[in-house]
Amino acid sequence: MNSIINIKSVSETHQMLGLAKPRHPLVSVFNNDCINMDFAGTCYSSELYIISMKEGVTGKMSYGRSSYDFEEGTMVFMSPGQVMTPAEAESTEDSGDYQGWTLIFHPDLIRKSQLGRKIGQYTFFSYDVNEALHLSEDEKQTLNELVDKIRKEINQNVDRHTQHLIAGNIELLLDYCTRYYDRQFYTRTNASEDIVSAFEHLLIQYYNQDK
């Protein structure tokens, strides 16, 4: 079994990925094409929350004891203490052109905020979820705009409003993700129900023919 790399801070994450020092000690947003490390086959855990929009790569990753499916243009979520193993190269369609972004933040960022009190309600951080969030172009644009606001707050001078505004925008981003996840599974549930209804209709026709 591979050893597990434990990531403890935003600064340590930047160092491991070959990025410049973070502008804020508790939160960072970076483009996925800036990552200079191959994670394939490596088990790692983090003491951070990680939200990532994936572009340019499809496949699976091990998340806890489950397999997490993701496709191009999707999002994955990871909470502190969980173990993730990215897919091996041979099982992943990899264009080598990584796009999208990754948002990471330490629990201390939201500890005294409303988000800190409700973060456990976002079930897509759980091991029980084994499917990434699939986004439409409009949905991606909405989330990208929120991430841009977070990025601007990180990059400007810190004042007494900074942490509150960053936490507020992260909360709004997660609320939109909740809506999109509900849409994704609601649509699929309706499709499944349509199939079951059609099958029941065929059974009724069959029995009514006294065959």
N, C-alpha and C. Protein backbone atom coordinates (compact mmCIF):
# COMPACT_ATOMS: atom_id res chain seq x y z
N MET A 1 0.85 -1.20 0.00
CA MET A 1 0.00 0.00 0.00
C MET A 1 0.88 1.25 0.00
N ASN A 2 0.51 2.22 -0.81
CA ASN A 2 1.29 3.45 -0.88
C ASN A 2 1.17 4.23 0.41
N SER A 3 2.25 4.92 0.79
CA SER A 3 2.20 5.79 1.96
C SER A 3 1.32 6.98 1.63
N ILE A 4 0.76 7.61 2.68
CA ILE A 4 -0.15 8.72 2.50
C ILE A 4 0.59 10.03 2.77
N ILE A 5 0.54 10.95 1.81
CA ILE A 5 1.10 12.28 1.98
C ILE A 5 0.05 13.16 2.64
N ASN A 6 0.38 13.73 3.79
CA ASN A 6 -0.57 14.58 4.50
C ASN A 6 -0.21 16.05 4.28
N ILE A 7 -1.18 16.81 3.79
CA ILE A 7 -0.99 18.23 3.52
C ILE A 7 -1.66 19.03 4.64
N LYS A 8 -0.88 19.86 5.34
CA LYS A 8 -1.39 20.50 6.54
C LYS A 8 -1.83 21.96 6.36
N SER A 9 -1.34 22.62 5.33
CA SER A 9 -1.61 24.06 5.22
C SER A 9 -1.67 24.50 3.77
N VAL A 10 -2.17 25.72 3.56
CA VAL A 10 -2.20 26.31 2.23
C VAL A 10 -0.77 26.51 1.73
N SER A 11 0.10 26.99 2.60
CA SER A 11 1.49 27.22 2.23
C SER A 11 2.18 25.93 1.80
N GLU A 12 1.94 24.85 2.53
CA GLU A 12 2.53 23.56 2.20
C GLU A 12 2.01 23.05 0.86
N THR A 13 0.74 23.30 0.59
CA THR A 13 0.16 22.91 -0.70
C THR A 13 0.85 23.62 -1.85
N HIS A 14 1.04 24.92 -1.73
CA HIS A 14 1.71 25.71 -2.77
C HIS A 14 3.13 25.19 -2.99
N GLN A 15 3.82 24.91 -1.91
CA GLN A 15 5.19 24.43 -2.03
C GLN A 15 5.24 23.09 -2.74
N MET A 16 4.33 22.19 -2.39
CA MET A 16 4.30 20.87 -2.99
C MET A 16 3.96 20.92 -4.48
N LEU A 17 3.10 21.88 -4.86
CA LEU A 17 2.65 22.00 -6.25
C LEU A 17 3.57 22.86 -7.10
N GLY A 18 4.60 23.44 -6.50
CA GLY A 18 5.52 24.30 -7.24
C GLY A 18 4.95 25.66 -7.53
N LEU A 19 4.06 26.15 -6.67
CA LEU A 19 3.45 27.46 -6.86
C LEU A 19 4.15 28.50 -6.00
N ALA A 20 3.95 29.77 -6.32
CA ALA A 20 4.50 30.85 -5.51
C ALA A 20 3.83 30.86 -4.14
N LYS A 21 4.43 31.58 -3.19
CA LYS A 21 3.86 31.65 -1.87
C LYS A 21 2.44 32.22 -1.92
N PRO A 22 1.52 31.68 -1.12
CA PRO A 22 0.13 32.16 -1.16
C PRO A 22 0.01 33.58 -0.63
N ARG A 23 -0.98 34.30 -1.15
CA ARG A 23 -1.22 35.67 -0.70
C ARG A 23 -1.94 35.70 0.64
N HIS A 24 -2.67 34.63 0.95
CA HIS A 24 -3.42 34.55 2.20
C HIS A 24 -3.07 33.22 2.87
N PRO A 25 -2.85 33.21 4.18
CA PRO A 25 -2.41 31.97 4.84
C PRO A 25 -3.47 30.88 4.95
N LEU A 26 -4.76 31.26 4.79
CA LEU A 26 -5.83 30.30 5.03
C LEU A 26 -6.63 29.92 3.80
N VAL A 27 -6.41 30.58 2.68
CA VAL A 27 -7.21 30.30 1.49
C VAL A 27 -6.41 30.62 0.23
N SER A 28 -6.68 29.86 -0.83
CA SER A 28 -5.99 30.11 -2.10
C SER A 28 -6.84 29.58 -3.25
N VAL A 29 -6.73 30.25 -4.38
CA VAL A 29 -7.31 29.77 -5.64
C VAL A 29 -6.20 29.77 -6.68
N PHE A 30 -6.05 28.66 -7.39
CA PHE A 30 -5.04 28.61 -8.44
C PHE A 30 -5.59 27.84 -9.64
N ASN A 31 -5.06 28.18 -10.81
CA ASN A 31 -5.46 27.50 -12.04
C ASN A 31 -4.81 26.13 -12.10
N ASN A 32 -5.55 25.15 -12.57
CA ASN A 32 -5.03 23.78 -12.61
C ASN A 32 -3.85 23.63 -13.56
N ASP A 33 -3.74 24.51 -14.57
CA ASP A 33 -2.61 24.38 -15.50
C ASP A 33 -1.30 24.87 -14.88
N CYS A 34 -1.37 25.40 -13.64
CA CYS A 34 -0.14 25.83 -12.94
C CYS A 34 0.47 24.71 -12.11
N ILE A 35 -0.25 23.61 -11.98
CA ILE A 35 0.22 22.53 -11.11
C ILE A 35 1.36 21.79 -11.78
N ASN A 36 2.48 21.68 -11.07
CA ASN A 36 3.67 21.06 -11.63
C ASN A 36 4.01 19.75 -10.93
N MET A 37 2.99 18.91 -10.71
CA MET A 37 3.24 17.65 -10.02
C MET A 37 2.29 16.59 -10.52
N ASP A 38 2.80 15.37 -10.72
CA ASP A 38 1.98 14.24 -11.14
C ASP A 38 1.56 13.46 -9.91
N PHE A 39 0.23 13.43 -9.65
CA PHE A 39 -0.27 12.78 -8.45
C PHE A 39 -0.65 11.32 -8.68
N ALA A 40 -0.57 10.85 -9.92
CA ALA A 40 -1.04 9.51 -10.25
C ALA A 40 -0.39 8.47 -9.35
N GLY A 41 -1.23 7.62 -8.75
CA GLY A 41 -0.73 6.53 -7.92
C GLY A 41 -0.32 6.93 -6.52
N THR A 42 -0.48 8.21 -6.16
CA THR A 42 -0.08 8.69 -4.84
C THR A 42 -1.31 8.88 -3.97
N CYS A 43 -1.28 8.32 -2.76
CA CYS A 43 -2.35 8.56 -1.80
C CYS A 43 -2.05 9.82 -1.01
N TYR A 44 -3.03 10.68 -0.86
CA TYR A 44 -2.79 11.86 -0.05
C TYR A 44 -4.05 12.28 0.69
N SER A 45 -3.83 12.89 1.83
CA SER A 45 -4.92 13.46 2.61
C SER A 45 -4.57 14.92 2.88
N SER A 46 -5.55 15.67 3.31
CA SER A 46 -5.33 17.09 3.52
C SER A 46 -6.11 17.56 4.73
N GLU A 47 -5.58 18.55 5.41
CA GLU A 47 -6.30 19.19 6.50
C GLU A 47 -7.07 20.40 6.01
N LEU A 48 -7.27 20.46 4.68
CA LEU A 48 -7.95 21.58 4.04
C LEU A 48 -9.23 21.11 3.37
N TYR A 49 -10.12 22.05 3.10
CA TYR A 49 -11.23 21.81 2.18
C TYR A 49 -10.71 22.09 0.77
N ILE A 50 -11.07 21.21 -0.16
CA ILE A 50 -10.63 21.34 -1.54
C ILE A 50 -11.84 21.28 -2.46
N ILE A 51 -11.98 22.27 -3.33
CA ILE A 51 -13.04 22.31 -4.33
C ILE A 51 -12.35 22.54 -5.67
N SER A 52 -12.59 21.67 -6.63
CA SER A 52 -11.86 21.78 -7.89
C SER A 52 -12.77 21.57 -9.09
N MET A 53 -12.66 22.48 -10.06
CA MET A 53 -13.34 22.29 -11.34
C MET A 53 -12.33 21.69 -12.32
N LYS A 54 -12.64 20.50 -12.82
CA LYS A 54 -11.71 19.75 -13.66
C LYS A 54 -11.97 20.00 -15.14
N GLU A 55 -10.93 20.28 -15.88
CA GLU A 55 -11.00 20.38 -17.34
C GLU A 55 -9.76 19.70 -17.92
N GLY A 56 -9.90 19.03 -19.04
CA GLY A 56 -8.76 18.42 -19.72
C GLY A 56 -8.38 17.06 -19.21
N VAL A 57 -9.19 16.47 -18.31
CA VAL A 57 -8.89 15.13 -17.81
C VAL A 57 -10.20 14.46 -17.41
N THR A 58 -10.33 13.16 -17.71
CA THR A 58 -11.48 12.37 -17.30
C THR A 58 -10.99 11.07 -16.70
N GLY A 59 -11.84 10.42 -15.93
CA GLY A 59 -11.46 9.14 -15.36
C GLY A 59 -12.05 8.92 -14.00
N LYS A 60 -11.29 8.23 -13.12
CA LYS A 60 -11.76 7.92 -11.77
C LYS A 60 -10.64 8.18 -10.78
N MET A 61 -11.06 8.42 -9.53
CA MET A 61 -10.09 8.46 -8.45
C MET A 61 -10.69 7.75 -7.25
N SER A 62 -9.83 7.11 -6.47
CA SER A 62 -10.27 6.45 -5.25
C SER A 62 -10.46 7.50 -4.18
N TYR A 63 -11.62 7.45 -3.51
CA TYR A 63 -11.96 8.43 -2.49
C TYR A 63 -12.50 7.65 -1.31
N GLY A 64 -11.66 7.50 -0.26
CA GLY A 64 -12.03 6.58 0.80
C GLY A 64 -11.98 5.17 0.25
N ARG A 65 -13.06 4.42 0.39
CA ARG A 65 -13.12 3.06 -0.16
C ARG A 65 -13.95 3.01 -1.44
N SER A 66 -14.35 4.17 -1.93
CA SER A 66 -15.19 4.22 -3.12
C SER A 66 -14.41 4.77 -4.31
N SER A 67 -15.01 4.62 -5.50
CA SER A 67 -14.43 5.17 -6.72
C SER A 67 -15.24 6.37 -7.13
N TYR A 68 -14.55 7.47 -7.41
CA TYR A 68 -15.17 8.77 -7.69
C TYR A 68 -15.04 9.04 -9.18
N ASP A 69 -16.18 9.00 -9.91
CA ASP A 69 -16.17 9.25 -11.34
C ASP A 69 -16.13 10.74 -11.62
N PHE A 70 -15.31 11.13 -12.60
CA PHE A 70 -15.34 12.52 -13.03
C PHE A 70 -15.07 12.60 -14.53
N GLU A 71 -15.66 13.60 -15.16
CA GLU A 71 -15.49 13.84 -16.57
C GLU A 71 -15.05 15.28 -16.76
N GLU A 72 -14.67 15.60 -18.01
CA GLU A 72 -14.24 16.97 -18.28
C GLU A 72 -15.38 17.94 -18.00
N GLY A 73 -15.03 19.05 -17.34
CA GLY A 73 -16.05 20.04 -17.02
C GLY A 73 -16.85 19.70 -15.79
N THR A 74 -16.25 18.97 -14.84
CA THR A 74 -16.96 18.59 -13.63
C THR A 74 -16.21 19.09 -12.40
N MET A 75 -16.85 18.94 -11.24
CA MET A 75 -16.26 19.39 -9.99
C MET A 75 -16.15 18.24 -9.01
N VAL A 76 -15.10 18.29 -8.19
CA VAL A 76 -14.93 17.33 -7.11
C VAL A 76 -14.68 18.09 -5.82
N PHE A 77 -15.01 17.45 -4.70
CA PHE A 77 -14.95 18.08 -3.39
C PHE A 77 -14.25 17.16 -2.41
N MET A 78 -13.46 17.74 -1.53
CA MET A 78 -12.74 16.97 -0.53
C MET A 78 -12.71 17.75 0.77
N SER A 79 -13.00 17.08 1.89
CA SER A 79 -12.97 17.74 3.19
C SER A 79 -11.77 17.26 3.99
N PRO A 80 -11.41 17.97 5.06
CA PRO A 80 -10.22 17.62 5.83
C PRO A 80 -10.24 16.18 6.35
N GLY A 81 -9.08 15.54 6.28
CA GLY A 81 -8.92 14.21 6.85
C GLY A 81 -9.25 13.07 5.92
N GLN A 82 -9.80 13.35 4.74
CA GLN A 82 -10.17 12.28 3.82
C GLN A 82 -9.00 11.94 2.90
N VAL A 83 -8.96 10.69 2.48
CA VAL A 83 -7.86 10.19 1.67
C VAL A 83 -8.31 10.04 0.22
N MET A 84 -7.50 10.54 -0.70
CA MET A 84 -7.83 10.46 -2.12
C MET A 84 -6.63 9.93 -2.89
N THR A 85 -6.90 9.08 -3.88
CA THR A 85 -5.86 8.56 -4.76
C THR A 85 -6.25 8.82 -6.20
N PRO A 86 -5.62 9.76 -6.90
CA PRO A 86 -5.93 10.01 -8.31
C PRO A 86 -5.70 8.76 -9.14
N ALA A 87 -6.43 8.69 -10.26
CA ALA A 87 -6.36 7.51 -11.11
C ALA A 87 -4.97 7.34 -11.71
N GLU A 88 -4.62 6.07 -11.95
CA GLU A 88 -3.39 5.78 -12.67
C GLU A 88 -3.53 6.27 -14.11
N ALA A 89 -2.42 6.59 -14.73
CA ALA A 89 -2.44 7.18 -16.07
C ALA A 89 -3.15 6.29 -17.08
N GLU A 90 -2.97 4.95 -16.96
CA GLU A 90 -3.55 4.08 -17.98
C GLU A 90 -5.07 3.99 -17.87
N SER A 91 -5.65 4.42 -16.72
CA SER A 91 -7.10 4.35 -16.57
C SER A 91 -7.76 5.71 -16.72
N THR A 92 -6.99 6.69 -17.15
CA THR A 92 -7.51 8.05 -17.25
C THR A 92 -7.24 8.62 -18.64
N GLU A 93 -8.28 9.23 -19.23
CA GLU A 93 -8.10 9.93 -20.49
C GLU A 93 -7.53 11.30 -20.18
N ASP A 94 -6.29 11.50 -20.56
CA ASP A 94 -5.56 12.70 -20.13
C ASP A 94 -5.03 13.44 -21.34
N SER A 95 -5.55 14.64 -21.56
CA SER A 95 -5.10 15.40 -22.72
C SER A 95 -3.80 16.14 -22.44
N GLY A 96 -3.42 16.21 -21.15
CA GLY A 96 -2.22 16.95 -20.77
C GLY A 96 -2.46 18.45 -20.71
N ASP A 97 -3.67 18.88 -21.07
CA ASP A 97 -4.00 20.30 -21.08
C ASP A 97 -4.98 20.57 -19.93
N TYR A 98 -4.44 20.69 -18.73
CA TYR A 98 -5.27 20.86 -17.55
C TYR A 98 -5.82 22.28 -17.48
N GLN A 99 -7.13 22.39 -17.36
CA GLN A 99 -7.78 23.68 -17.24
C GLN A 99 -8.62 23.67 -15.96
N GLY A 100 -9.35 24.76 -15.75
CA GLY A 100 -10.16 24.86 -14.56
C GLY A 100 -9.38 25.45 -13.40
N TRP A 101 -9.91 25.31 -12.20
CA TRP A 101 -9.31 25.93 -11.03
C TRP A 101 -9.49 25.04 -9.81
N THR A 102 -8.73 25.34 -8.79
CA THR A 102 -8.86 24.65 -7.50
C THR A 102 -8.88 25.69 -6.39
N LEU A 103 -9.86 25.57 -5.52
CA LEU A 103 -10.00 26.43 -4.35
C LEU A 103 -9.71 25.59 -3.11
N ILE A 104 -8.77 26.05 -2.29
CA ILE A 104 -8.46 25.36 -1.04
C ILE A 104 -8.59 26.35 0.12
N PHE A 105 -9.08 25.86 1.25
CA PHE A 105 -9.13 26.74 2.42
C PHE A 105 -9.07 25.92 3.70
N HIS A 106 -8.45 26.51 4.71
CA HIS A 106 -8.29 25.87 6.00
C HIS A 106 -9.56 26.08 6.83
N PRO A 107 -9.93 25.10 7.67
CA PRO A 107 -11.14 25.27 8.50
C PRO A 107 -11.13 26.53 9.36
N ASP A 108 -9.93 27.03 9.72
CA ASP A 108 -9.85 28.25 10.53
C ASP A 108 -10.44 29.45 9.81
N LEU A 109 -10.46 29.42 8.47
CA LEU A 109 -11.00 30.54 7.70
C LEU A 109 -12.48 30.75 8.00
N ILE A 110 -13.21 29.66 8.23
CA ILE A 110 -14.67 29.74 8.37
C ILE A 110 -15.14 29.42 9.79
N ARG A 111 -14.21 29.22 10.72
CA ARG A 111 -14.57 28.70 12.04
C ARG A 111 -15.63 29.55 12.74
N LYS A 112 -15.56 30.87 12.65
CA LYS A 112 -16.49 31.76 13.35
C LYS A 112 -17.58 32.31 12.44
N SER A 113 -17.68 31.78 11.26
CA SER A 113 -18.65 32.29 10.28
C SER A 113 -19.88 31.39 10.21
N GLN A 114 -20.89 31.88 9.52
CA GLN A 114 -22.09 31.07 9.26
C GLN A 114 -21.73 29.82 8.48
N LEU A 115 -20.80 29.94 7.54
CA LEU A 115 -20.38 28.78 6.77
C LEU A 115 -19.78 27.71 7.67
N GLY A 116 -19.02 28.14 8.68
CA GLY A 116 -18.43 27.18 9.60
C GLY A 116 -19.47 26.37 10.34
N ARG A 117 -20.62 26.98 10.59
CA ARG A 117 -21.70 26.29 11.31
C ARG A 117 -22.50 25.35 10.41
N LYS A 118 -22.46 25.57 9.09
CA LYS A 118 -23.29 24.76 8.19
C LYS A 118 -22.48 23.91 7.21
N ILE A 119 -21.15 23.94 7.30
CA ILE A 119 -20.33 23.25 6.31
C ILE A 119 -20.65 21.76 6.25
N GLY A 120 -21.04 21.18 7.39
CA GLY A 120 -21.36 19.75 7.42
C GLY A 120 -22.62 19.39 6.68
N GLN A 121 -23.43 20.40 6.31
CA GLN A 121 -24.67 20.14 5.59
C GLN A 121 -24.45 19.87 4.11
N TYR A 122 -23.25 20.21 3.60
CA TYR A 122 -22.97 20.00 2.18
C TYR A 122 -22.51 18.56 1.99
N THR A 123 -23.46 17.70 1.61
CA THR A 123 -23.20 16.26 1.59
C THR A 123 -22.24 15.84 0.49
N PHE A 124 -21.96 16.71 -0.49
CA PHE A 124 -21.05 16.30 -1.56
C PHE A 124 -19.60 16.26 -1.09
N PHE A 125 -19.31 16.70 0.14
CA PHE A 125 -17.98 16.50 0.71
C PHE A 125 -17.82 15.10 1.29
N SER A 126 -18.90 14.34 1.33
CA SER A 126 -18.91 13.04 2.00
C SER A 126 -18.35 11.94 1.12
N TYR A 127 -17.83 10.89 1.78
CA TYR A 127 -17.40 9.68 1.07
C TYR A 127 -18.58 9.01 0.37
N ASP A 128 -19.81 9.26 0.85
CA ASP A 128 -20.97 8.58 0.28
C ASP A 128 -21.25 8.99 -1.16
N VAL A 129 -20.75 10.16 -1.56
CA VAL A 129 -20.94 10.63 -2.93
C VAL A 129 -19.84 10.04 -3.80
N ASN A 130 -20.19 9.30 -4.85
CA ASN A 130 -19.17 8.69 -5.70
C ASN A 130 -19.29 9.17 -7.14
N GLU A 131 -19.88 10.34 -7.30
CA GLU A 131 -19.98 10.90 -8.64
C GLU A 131 -19.72 12.40 -8.59
N ALA A 132 -18.92 12.88 -9.50
CA ALA A 132 -18.62 14.31 -9.53
C ALA A 132 -19.85 15.10 -9.98
N LEU A 133 -19.80 16.39 -9.76
CA LEU A 133 -20.87 17.28 -10.20
C LEU A 133 -20.62 17.68 -11.65
N HIS A 134 -21.59 17.37 -12.52
CA HIS A 134 -21.47 17.68 -13.95
C HIS A 134 -22.17 19.01 -14.23
N LEU A 135 -21.46 19.93 -14.84
CA LEU A 135 -21.95 21.29 -14.99
C LEU A 135 -22.28 21.64 -16.44
N SER A 136 -23.32 22.45 -16.60
CA SER A 136 -23.59 23.05 -17.90
C SER A 136 -22.68 24.26 -18.07
N GLU A 137 -22.65 24.82 -19.26
CA GLU A 137 -21.81 25.99 -19.50
C GLU A 137 -22.26 27.18 -18.66
N ASP A 138 -23.58 27.37 -18.53
CA ASP A 138 -24.09 28.47 -17.71
C ASP A 138 -23.72 28.28 -16.25
N GLU A 139 -23.80 27.05 -15.77
CA GLU A 139 -23.46 26.77 -14.38
C GLU A 139 -21.97 27.00 -14.13
N LYS A 140 -21.14 26.58 -15.07
CA LYS A 140 -19.71 26.83 -14.93
C LYS A 140 -19.41 28.32 -14.88
N GLN A 141 -20.11 29.10 -15.70
CA GLN A 141 -19.89 30.54 -15.72
C GLN A 141 -20.26 31.16 -14.37
N THR A 142 -21.37 30.72 -13.78
CA THR A 142 -21.78 31.24 -12.48
C THR A 142 -20.73 30.96 -11.41
N LEU A 143 -20.22 29.73 -11.38
CA LEU A 143 -19.21 29.37 -10.38
C LEU A 143 -17.89 30.07 -10.65
N ASN A 144 -17.54 30.20 -11.91
CA ASN A 144 -16.30 30.92 -12.25
C ASN A 144 -16.33 32.37 -11.79
N GLU A 145 -17.49 33.00 -11.90
CA GLU A 145 -17.62 34.39 -11.47
C GLU A 145 -17.45 34.51 -9.96
N LEU A 146 -17.99 33.56 -9.21
CA LEU A 146 -17.83 33.56 -7.76
C LEU A 146 -16.37 33.33 -7.37
N VAL A 147 -15.72 32.43 -8.06
CA VAL A 147 -14.31 32.15 -7.77
C VAL A 147 -13.46 33.37 -8.10
N ASP A 148 -13.80 34.09 -9.15
CA ASP A 148 -13.07 35.33 -9.48
C ASP A 148 -13.19 36.35 -8.36
N LYS A 149 -14.37 36.44 -7.73
CA LYS A 149 -14.55 37.36 -6.61
C LYS A 149 -13.67 36.95 -5.43
N ILE A 150 -13.63 35.64 -5.17
CA ILE A 150 -12.79 35.13 -4.07
C ILE A 150 -11.32 35.43 -4.37
N ARG A 151 -10.93 35.23 -5.62
CA ARG A 151 -9.54 35.46 -6.02
C ARG A 151 -9.16 36.94 -5.84
N LYS A 152 -10.08 37.84 -6.19
CA LYS A 152 -9.81 39.27 -6.04
C LYS A 152 -9.65 39.65 -4.58
N GLU A 153 -10.49 39.08 -3.72
CA GLU A 153 -10.38 39.36 -2.29
C GLU A 153 -9.05 38.87 -1.73
N ILE A 154 -8.60 37.71 -2.20
CA ILE A 154 -7.33 37.16 -1.74
C ILE A 154 -6.17 38.04 -2.16
N ASN A 155 -6.24 38.57 -3.37
CA ASN A 155 -5.10 39.28 -3.95
C ASN A 155 -5.00 40.75 -3.54
N GLN A 156 -6.06 41.30 -2.94
CA GLN A 156 -5.96 42.69 -2.51
C GLN A 156 -5.53 42.74 -1.04
N ASN A 157 -5.24 43.93 -0.55
CA ASN A 157 -4.79 44.08 0.83
C ASN A 157 -5.86 43.60 1.80
N VAL A 158 -5.43 42.84 2.81
CA VAL A 158 -6.35 42.28 3.79
C VAL A 158 -6.84 43.38 4.72
N ASP A 159 -8.17 43.44 4.94
CA ASP A 159 -8.74 44.34 5.93
C ASP A 159 -9.74 43.56 6.77
N ARG A 160 -10.49 44.23 7.62
CA ARG A 160 -11.38 43.53 8.54
C ARG A 160 -12.58 42.88 7.84
N HIS A 161 -12.80 43.22 6.58
CA HIS A 161 -13.91 42.65 5.83
C HIS A 161 -13.50 41.44 4.99
N THR A 162 -12.21 41.26 4.77
CA THR A 162 -11.72 40.27 3.81
C THR A 162 -12.21 38.86 4.12
N GLN A 163 -11.98 38.40 5.36
CA GLN A 163 -12.31 37.03 5.70
C GLN A 163 -13.81 36.77 5.60
N HIS A 164 -14.61 37.75 6.04
CA HIS A 164 -16.07 37.62 5.96
C HIS A 164 -16.54 37.52 4.51
N LEU A 165 -15.99 38.34 3.63
CA LEU A 165 -16.41 38.34 2.23
C LEU A 165 -15.98 37.06 1.52
N ILE A 166 -14.77 36.58 1.83
CA ILE A 166 -14.31 35.33 1.22
C ILE A 166 -15.19 34.17 1.66
N ALA A 167 -15.45 34.08 2.98
CA ALA A 167 -16.30 33.00 3.50
C ALA A 167 -17.70 33.09 2.91
N GLY A 168 -18.22 34.31 2.76
CA GLY A 168 -19.55 34.48 2.20
C GLY A 168 -19.63 34.01 0.75
N ASN A 169 -18.61 34.31 -0.02
CA ASN A 169 -18.60 33.88 -1.43
C ASN A 169 -18.40 32.37 -1.55
N ILE A 170 -17.60 31.78 -0.67
CA ILE A 170 -17.46 30.32 -0.67
C ILE A 170 -18.80 29.67 -0.33
N GLU A 171 -19.49 30.24 0.66
CA GLU A 171 -20.82 29.71 1.03
C GLU A 171 -21.79 29.79 -0.15
N LEU A 172 -21.78 30.91 -0.85
CA LEU A 172 -22.66 31.07 -2.01
C LEU A 172 -22.30 30.07 -3.10
N LEU A 173 -21.01 29.86 -3.33
CA LEU A 173 -20.56 28.88 -4.32
C LEU A 173 -21.07 27.49 -3.95
N LEU A 174 -20.96 27.11 -2.68
CA LEU A 174 -21.41 25.79 -2.24
C LEU A 174 -22.93 25.66 -2.32
N ASP A 175 -23.65 26.76 -2.07
CA ASP A 175 -25.10 26.74 -2.21
C ASP A 175 -25.50 26.49 -3.66
N TYR A 176 -24.80 27.12 -4.59
CA TYR A 176 -25.07 26.86 -6.01
C TYR A 176 -24.75 25.41 -6.35
N CYS A 177 -23.66 24.89 -5.82
CA CYS A 177 -23.31 23.50 -6.08
C CYS A 177 -24.38 22.55 -5.55
N THR A 178 -24.98 22.89 -4.41
CA THR A 178 -26.08 22.09 -3.87
C THR A 178 -27.25 22.07 -4.84
N ARG A 179 -27.58 23.24 -5.39
CA ARG A 179 -28.66 23.31 -6.38
C ARG A 179 -28.33 22.45 -7.60
N TYR A 180 -27.10 22.53 -8.07
CA TYR A 180 -26.72 21.80 -9.28
C TYR A 180 -26.69 20.29 -9.03
N TYR A 181 -26.26 19.88 -7.85
CA TYR A 181 -26.29 18.46 -7.52
C TYR A 181 -27.74 17.96 -7.45
N ASP A 182 -28.61 18.76 -6.82
CA ASP A 182 -30.02 18.38 -6.75
C ASP A 182 -30.61 18.25 -8.15
N ARG A 183 -30.27 19.18 -9.03
CA ARG A 183 -30.74 19.11 -10.41
C ARG A 183 -30.25 17.85 -11.10
N GLN A 184 -28.97 17.53 -10.88
CA GLN A 184 -28.36 16.38 -11.54
C GLN A 184 -29.07 15.08 -11.16
N PHE A 185 -29.30 14.88 -9.87
CA PHE A 185 -29.91 13.63 -9.42
C PHE A 185 -31.42 13.64 -9.59
N TYR A 186 -32.04 14.82 -9.55
CA TYR A 186 -33.47 14.91 -9.81
C TYR A 186 -33.77 14.52 -11.25
N THR A 187 -32.96 15.03 -12.17
CA THR A 187 -33.14 14.69 -13.58
C THR A 187 -32.98 13.20 -13.81
N ARG A 188 -31.95 12.62 -13.18
CA ARG A 188 -31.69 11.20 -13.35
C ARG A 188 -32.80 10.35 -12.73
N THR A 189 -33.31 10.80 -11.57
CA THR A 189 -34.39 10.07 -10.92
C THR A 189 -35.63 10.09 -11.78
N ASN A 190 -35.94 11.24 -12.37
CA ASN A 190 -37.10 11.32 -13.26
C ASN A 190 -36.95 10.40 -14.45
N ALA A 191 -35.73 10.33 -15.02
CA ALA A 191 -35.49 9.45 -16.17
C ALA A 191 -35.72 8.00 -15.77
N SER A 192 -35.24 7.62 -14.58
CA SER A 192 -35.43 6.25 -14.11
C SER A 192 -36.90 5.94 -13.89
N GLU A 193 -37.63 6.92 -13.32
CA GLU A 193 -39.05 6.73 -13.09
C GLU A 193 -39.80 6.58 -14.41
N ASP A 194 -39.39 7.31 -15.44
CA ASP A 194 -40.02 7.19 -16.75
C ASP A 194 -39.86 5.78 -17.30
N ILE A 195 -38.67 5.19 -17.13
CA ILE A 195 -38.42 3.83 -17.60
C ILE A 195 -39.29 2.83 -16.86
N VAL A 196 -39.37 3.00 -15.53
CA VAL A 196 -40.21 2.11 -14.72
C VAL A 196 -41.68 2.24 -15.13
N SER A 197 -42.14 3.45 -15.35
CA SER A 197 -43.53 3.67 -15.75
C SER A 197 -43.82 3.01 -17.09
N ALA A 198 -42.88 3.14 -18.03
CA ALA A 198 -43.07 2.53 -19.34
C ALA A 198 -43.12 1.01 -19.22
N PHE A 199 -42.28 0.43 -18.36
CA PHE A 199 -42.27 -1.02 -18.16
C PHE A 199 -43.59 -1.49 -17.55
N GLU A 200 -44.08 -0.74 -16.56
CA GLU A 200 -45.36 -1.09 -15.94
C GLU A 200 -46.50 -1.03 -16.96
N HIS A 201 -46.45 -0.03 -17.83
CA HIS A 201 -47.48 0.11 -18.86
C HIS A 201 -47.47 -1.09 -19.80
N LEU A 202 -46.28 -1.55 -20.19
CA LEU A 202 -46.18 -2.73 -21.05
C LEU A 202 -46.70 -3.97 -20.35
N LEU A 203 -46.43 -4.10 -19.04
CA LEU A 203 -46.94 -5.25 -18.29
C LEU A 203 -48.46 -5.25 -18.26
N ILE A 204 -49.05 -4.06 -18.03
CA ILE A 204 -50.50 -3.97 -17.99
C ILE A 204 -51.09 -4.35 -19.35
N GLN A 205 -50.48 -3.87 -20.43
CA GLN A 205 -50.96 -4.24 -21.77
C GLN A 205 -50.88 -5.74 -21.98
N TYR A 206 -49.79 -6.34 -21.51
CA TYR A 206 -49.58 -7.77 -21.68
C TYR A 206 -50.65 -8.58 -20.93
N TYR A 207 -50.89 -8.20 -19.68
CA TYR A 207 -51.89 -8.92 -18.89
C TYR A 207 -53.29 -8.71 -19.44
N ASN A 208 -53.58 -7.53 -19.97
CA ASN A 208 -54.91 -7.25 -20.52
C ASN A 208 -55.19 -8.06 -21.79
N GLN A 209 -54.14 -8.58 -22.43
CA GLN A 209 -54.31 -9.38 -23.64
C GLN A 209 -54.55 -10.86 -23.31
N ASP A 210 -54.60 -11.21 -22.00
CA ASP A 210 -54.86 -12.58 -21.55
C ASP A 210 -53.89 -13.59 -22.16
N LYS A 211 -52.63 -13.21 -22.31
CA LYS A 211 -51.65 -14.15 -22.83
C LYS A 211 -50.96 -14.95 -21.72
